[in-house]
Amino acid sequence: MASKAEPREVARYWQHAVVEGVDLLRAQYVTHRYGRHAHETYTFGLIEAGIEEFDYGNDVFRAGAGAVALLNPDVIHTGQAATPWGWRYRVLYPQVSVVTEVAGELGWRAGTPRFPQTVVNDARSAALLRAAHQAAEFGDPLASSSLLATALAGLLRAHAVPGPASDTPRSTRAPQAVAMIADLLAERIADPPTLADLAALSGLSQFALLRAFRDATGLPPHAYLNQLRVRRARLLLDDGLPAADVAARTGFADQAHLTRHFKRVVGVPPAAYQRERLRRAS
């Protein structure tokens, strides 16, 4: 008796054709695993088949078919299959400004909305998210922009709470030494100091610095640096630079090193990411 064929991995990552500040992903993953990372954007994912398992903050979640995952910006998370057959999903990545603008139109006070529930089983929210995502892939400009606004408003009304009237950036909440190190890593992204150098600059021991940095950012300094590198690489790829040049400019050892880290964060390799970016630009 013939065995059932294993599902293949496919992924497409692209920008919304009409609304600035919104990225989208449609993917089916089996063996792919996201490394620990965070997005500057919100992450709204609809599971269409299979089960995804992911660490988020200090908890582990599973999201099955029909579930919607609602991830807030700058929260460390992972992602992998919870079954041998993987999972298939659609994801919206709207920038904070896009979501706060919709919240303002709903009459919410100024501030960054938060989603206290990470995984919800809500058929209406799932339908709104699917319609907005499909329209962004196949619909006309009016339909895609209208359905996106409707979906974001629906998710906010059903599952979000207003943020504080005056949000404080993460860096000002972190200890002063950690904020200084984070700024230094951003400045020296391709030529970072050693851990001993960072400890000397911060006035902390190496162990104390590692612990304080992880407590403040969710990542140790080297992993935080790789996240900064991937974010910078995305900007350079958006500008049309070849992947080999991007790897050199962002401190990766070579193009293969860039590709490995890039896919663990974005979900697609740099070439596929850039192809969709340049297609939209043209």
Protein backbone atom coordinates (compact mmCIF):
# COMPACT_ATOMS: atom_id res chain seq x y z
CA MET A 1 0.00 0.00 0.00
CA ALA A 2 1.47 3.36 -1.00
CA SER A 3 2.40 5.64 1.88
CA LYS A 4 0.96 9.10 2.12
CA ALA A 5 3.30 11.66 0.57
CA GLU A 6 4.85 14.11 2.98
CA PRO A 7 3.72 17.73 2.54
CA ARG A 8 6.34 19.99 1.01
CA GLU A 9 7.43 23.29 2.49
CA VAL A 10 6.38 26.42 0.62
CA ALA A 11 6.45 30.05 1.70
CA ARG A 12 5.84 33.49 0.25
CA TYR A 13 6.63 36.73 2.11
CA TRP A 14 5.59 40.05 0.58
CA GLN A 15 4.46 43.63 1.18
CA HIS A 16 0.88 44.80 1.01
CA ALA A 17 0.40 46.38 -2.40
CA VAL A 18 -1.73 49.27 -1.14
CA VAL A 19 -1.21 49.83 2.59
CA GLU A 20 2.27 50.88 3.64
CA GLY A 21 3.68 49.22 6.73
CA VAL A 22 2.05 45.81 6.34
CA ASP A 23 3.90 42.62 5.42
CA LEU A 24 2.32 39.23 4.77
CA LEU A 25 3.37 35.60 4.88
CA ARG A 26 1.66 32.53 3.48
CA ALA A 27 3.49 29.33 4.30
CA GLN A 28 3.40 25.61 4.91
CA TYR A 29 6.18 24.36 7.16
CA VAL A 30 7.13 20.86 8.23
CA THR A 31 10.71 20.86 9.48
CA HIS A 32 11.30 24.62 9.54
CA ARG A 33 11.87 26.05 13.01
CA TYR A 34 11.93 29.73 13.87
CA GLY A 35 14.72 30.75 16.21
CA ARG A 36 14.07 33.00 19.20
CA HIS A 37 13.27 36.42 17.77
CA ALA A 38 10.89 39.35 18.02
CA HIS A 39 9.16 41.56 15.47
CA GLU A 40 8.84 45.32 15.68
CA THR A 41 5.38 44.78 14.23
CA TYR A 42 2.31 42.97 15.48
CA THR A 43 1.97 39.34 14.33
CA PHE A 44 -1.54 38.11 13.50
CA GLY A 45 -1.53 34.51 12.28
CA LEU A 46 -4.36 32.26 11.13
CA ILE A 47 -3.67 28.52 11.28
CA GLU A 48 -5.34 26.85 8.30
CA ALA A 49 -4.12 23.29 8.85
CA GLY A 50 -1.95 21.35 11.27
CA ILE A 51 -0.67 22.65 14.60
CA GLU A 52 1.98 25.24 15.35
CA GLU A 53 3.76 25.26 18.69
CA PHE A 54 5.64 28.31 19.89
CA ASP A 55 7.29 29.81 22.93
CA TYR A 56 6.03 33.31 23.64
CA GLY A 57 7.24 35.25 26.61
CA ASN A 58 7.38 32.72 29.42
CA ASP A 59 4.73 30.34 28.07
CA VAL A 60 4.35 27.67 25.40
CA PHE A 61 1.29 27.74 23.13
CA ARG A 62 -0.24 25.43 20.55
CA ALA A 63 -2.47 26.75 17.79
CA GLY A 64 -4.49 24.36 15.64
CA ALA A 65 -6.63 24.77 12.53
CA GLY A 66 -8.95 27.75 12.83
CA ALA A 67 -7.04 29.35 15.69
CA VAL A 68 -5.70 32.90 15.53
CA ALA A 69 -2.39 33.82 17.14
CA LEU A 70 -2.10 37.43 18.35
CA LEU A 71 1.47 38.45 19.16
CA ASN A 72 2.39 41.88 20.46
CA PRO A 73 5.43 43.78 19.15
CA ASP A 74 8.90 43.12 20.58
CA VAL A 75 7.99 39.93 22.45
CA ILE A 76 10.48 37.08 21.98
CA HIS A 77 8.96 33.96 20.44
CA THR A 78 9.76 30.84 18.40
CA GLY A 79 7.70 28.60 16.10
CA GLN A 80 7.74 24.98 14.97
CA ALA A 81 5.47 22.13 13.98
CA ALA A 82 3.70 20.27 16.77
CA THR A 83 2.95 17.25 14.54
CA PRO A 84 4.97 15.37 11.89
CA TRP A 85 2.79 16.94 9.18
CA GLY A 86 3.61 20.51 10.07
CA TRP A 87 1.26 23.43 9.79
CA ARG A 88 -0.11 25.84 7.17
CA TYR A 89 -0.92 29.45 7.99
CA ARG A 90 -1.41 33.03 6.86
CA VAL A 91 0.19 35.91 8.77
CA LEU A 92 -0.25 39.69 8.79
CA TYR A 93 2.60 41.84 10.15
CA PRO A 94 1.21 45.39 10.54
CA GLN A 95 3.48 48.07 11.95
CA VAL A 96 2.48 49.59 15.27
CA SER A 97 1.53 52.87 13.55
CA VAL A 98 -0.96 51.05 11.30
CA VAL A 99 -2.73 49.44 14.25
CA THR A 100 -2.71 52.56 16.42
CA GLU A 101 -4.22 54.55 13.56
CA VAL A 102 -7.12 52.09 13.34
CA ALA A 103 -7.49 52.19 17.13
CA GLY A 104 -7.64 55.98 16.97
CA GLU A 105 -10.39 55.82 14.38
CA LEU A 106 -12.31 53.58 16.77
CA GLY A 107 -12.06 56.31 19.40
CA TRP A 108 -9.46 54.62 21.57
CA ARG A 109 -7.10 56.77 23.64
CA ALA A 110 -3.56 57.34 22.42
CA GLY A 111 -1.17 54.50 23.17
CA THR A 112 -0.18 51.12 21.80
CA PRO A 113 -2.97 48.52 22.03
CA ARG A 114 -2.08 45.16 23.57
CA PHE A 115 -3.52 41.71 22.97
CA PRO A 116 -3.65 39.89 26.34
CA GLN A 117 -4.75 36.54 24.82
CA THR A 118 -2.12 34.92 22.64
CA VAL A 119 -4.21 32.19 20.96
CA VAL A 120 -7.95 32.59 20.38
CA ASN A 121 -10.46 30.27 18.77
CA ASP A 122 -12.82 32.82 17.30
CA ALA A 123 -14.46 31.99 13.96
CA ARG A 124 -15.29 35.62 13.19
CA SER A 125 -11.74 36.83 13.77
CA ALA A 126 -10.42 33.95 11.67
CA ALA A 127 -12.78 34.85 8.82
CA LEU A 128 -11.79 38.53 8.95
CA LEU A 129 -8.09 37.68 8.91
CA ARG A 130 -8.47 35.20 6.05
CA ALA A 131 -10.50 37.65 3.94
CA ALA A 132 -7.96 40.45 4.44
CA HIS A 133 -5.04 38.17 3.66
CA GLN A 134 -6.60 36.69 0.52
CA ALA A 135 -7.59 40.14 -0.74
CA ALA A 136 -4.01 41.35 -0.26
CA GLU A 137 -2.88 38.49 -2.48
CA PHE A 138 -5.58 38.45 -5.14
CA GLY A 139 -7.94 41.40 -4.67
CA ASP A 140 -8.12 44.89 -6.13
CA PRO A 141 -6.74 47.90 -4.23
CA LEU A 142 -10.10 48.96 -2.80
CA ALA A 143 -11.02 45.48 -1.58
CA SER A 144 -7.58 44.75 -0.11
CA SER A 145 -7.36 48.03 1.81
CA SER A 146 -10.99 47.89 2.99
CA LEU A 147 -10.79 44.29 4.22
CA LEU A 148 -7.51 44.98 6.00
CA ALA A 149 -9.03 47.91 7.90
CA THR A 150 -12.09 45.80 8.74
CA ALA A 151 -9.94 42.93 10.00
CA LEU A 152 -7.74 45.13 12.19
CA ALA A 153 -10.77 46.88 13.67
CA GLY A 154 -12.41 43.53 14.33
CA LEU A 155 -9.35 42.11 16.06
CA LEU A 156 -8.99 45.23 18.20
CA ARG A 157 -12.62 45.26 19.27
CA ALA A 158 -12.71 41.54 20.07
CA HIS A 159 -9.34 40.90 21.66
CA ALA A 160 -7.27 44.03 22.41
CA VAL A 161 -7.09 46.47 25.29
CA PRO A 162 -5.98 50.10 24.99
CA GLY A 163 -2.35 50.77 25.83
CA PRO A 164 -1.11 53.30 28.38
CA ALA A 165 -1.66 56.90 27.41
CA SER A 166 2.10 57.35 27.23
CA ASP A 167 4.09 54.28 26.29
CA THR A 168 7.69 54.06 27.44
CA PRO A 169 10.10 52.49 24.96
CA ARG A 170 11.74 49.26 26.06
CA SER A 171 15.20 50.83 26.06
CA THR A 172 14.27 53.39 28.76
CA ARG A 173 12.86 50.67 30.98
CA ALA A 174 16.02 48.59 30.74
CA PRO A 175 18.93 49.23 33.08
CA GLN A 176 21.18 52.00 31.85
CA ALA A 177 24.06 49.62 31.14
CA VAL A 178 21.90 47.36 28.98
CA ALA A 179 20.54 50.30 27.01
CA MET A 180 24.10 51.50 26.36
CA ILE A 181 25.18 48.05 25.16
CA ALA A 182 22.14 47.73 22.90
CA ASP A 183 22.94 51.09 21.30
CA LEU A 184 26.57 50.10 20.84
CA LEU A 185 25.65 46.83 19.14
CA ALA A 186 23.39 48.73 16.74
CA GLU A 187 26.27 51.08 15.89
CA ARG A 188 28.84 48.31 15.47
CA ILE A 189 26.63 45.76 13.81
CA ALA A 190 29.37 44.43 11.52
CA ASP A 191 32.24 44.75 13.99
CA PRO A 192 30.91 44.11 17.50
CA PRO A 193 33.02 44.25 20.65
CA THR A 194 33.80 41.11 22.63
CA LEU A 195 31.80 40.18 25.70
CA ALA A 196 34.79 41.19 27.83
CA ASP A 197 34.84 44.60 26.15
CA LEU A 198 31.11 45.04 26.72
CA ALA A 199 31.45 44.06 30.37
CA ALA A 200 34.25 46.56 30.87
CA LEU A 201 32.22 49.32 29.25
CA SER A 202 29.15 48.52 31.33
CA GLY A 203 30.97 48.17 34.63
CA LEU A 204 29.43 44.73 35.14
CA SER A 205 30.97 41.30 35.21
CA GLN A 206 30.48 39.22 32.07
CA PHE A 207 28.00 36.94 33.83
CA ALA A 208 26.08 39.86 35.33
CA LEU A 209 25.91 41.55 31.94
CA LEU A 210 24.59 38.40 30.24
CA ARG A 211 21.90 38.02 32.90
CA ALA A 212 20.87 41.68 32.86
CA PHE A 213 20.78 41.83 29.06
CA ARG A 214 18.67 38.69 28.79
CA ASP A 215 16.28 39.92 31.49
CA ALA A 216 15.82 43.25 29.67
CA THR A 217 15.62 42.08 26.04
CA GLY A 218 14.78 38.38 26.20
CA LEU A 219 18.00 37.49 24.36
CA PRO A 220 21.71 37.29 25.15
CA PRO A 221 23.84 39.94 23.41
CA HIS A 222 25.02 37.73 20.54
CA ALA A 223 21.47 36.64 19.66
CA TYR A 224 20.23 40.22 19.99
CA LEU A 225 22.97 41.29 17.58
CA ASN A 226 21.91 38.67 15.03
CA GLN A 227 18.34 39.99 15.23
CA LEU A 228 19.64 43.52 14.55
CA ARG A 229 21.62 42.14 11.63
CA VAL A 230 18.56 40.50 10.10
CA ARG A 231 16.55 43.72 10.45
CA ARG A 232 19.35 45.70 8.78
CA ALA A 233 19.65 43.03 6.08
CA ARG A 234 15.96 43.43 5.24
CA LEU A 235 16.45 47.15 4.64
CA LEU A 236 19.45 46.54 2.39
CA LEU A 237 17.62 43.83 0.45
CA ASP A 238 14.72 46.27 0.02
CA ASP A 239 17.21 48.64 -1.64
CA GLY A 240 18.19 45.92 -4.12
CA LEU A 241 21.65 45.05 -2.82
CA PRO A 242 22.89 41.53 -3.69
CA ALA A 243 22.70 39.08 -0.80
CA ALA A 244 26.47 38.61 -0.74
CA ASP A 245 26.99 42.35 -0.25
CA VAL A 246 24.26 42.44 2.39
CA ALA A 247 25.98 39.64 4.31
CA ALA A 248 29.27 41.56 4.30
CA ARG A 249 27.66 44.84 5.38
CA THR A 250 25.75 43.29 8.25
CA GLY A 251 28.54 41.24 9.75
CA PHE A 252 27.53 37.76 8.66
CA ALA A 253 30.43 35.47 7.74
CA ASP A 254 29.08 34.83 4.24
CA GLN A 255 25.84 34.55 2.25
CA ALA A 256 25.06 31.10 3.65
CA HIS A 257 25.39 32.47 7.20
CA LEU A 258 23.00 35.29 6.34
CA THR A 259 20.54 32.88 4.75
CA ARG A 260 20.48 30.59 7.78
CA HIS A 261 19.74 33.36 10.27
CA PHE A 262 17.40 35.26 7.93
CA LYS A 263 15.13 32.27 7.35
CA ARG A 264 14.99 31.48 11.06
CA VAL A 265 13.52 34.95 11.67
CA VAL A 266 11.60 35.88 8.49
CA GLY A 267 10.54 32.41 7.34
CA VAL A 268 11.91 32.65 3.79
CA PRO A 269 15.48 32.96 2.43
CA PRO A 270 16.84 36.39 1.43
CA ALA A 271 16.50 35.76 -2.31
CA ALA A 272 12.79 34.95 -2.07
CA TYR A 273 12.22 37.92 0.23
CA GLN A 274 14.01 40.31 -2.12
CA ARG A 275 12.26 38.97 -5.21
CA GLU A 276 8.85 39.88 -3.78
CA ARG A 277 10.12 43.29 -2.63
CA LEU A 278 11.53 44.22 -6.02
CA ARG A 279 8.45 42.90 -7.82
CA ARG A 280 6.28 45.32 -5.82
CA ALA A 281 8.70 48.21 -6.45
CA SER A 282 8.62 47.61 -10.19
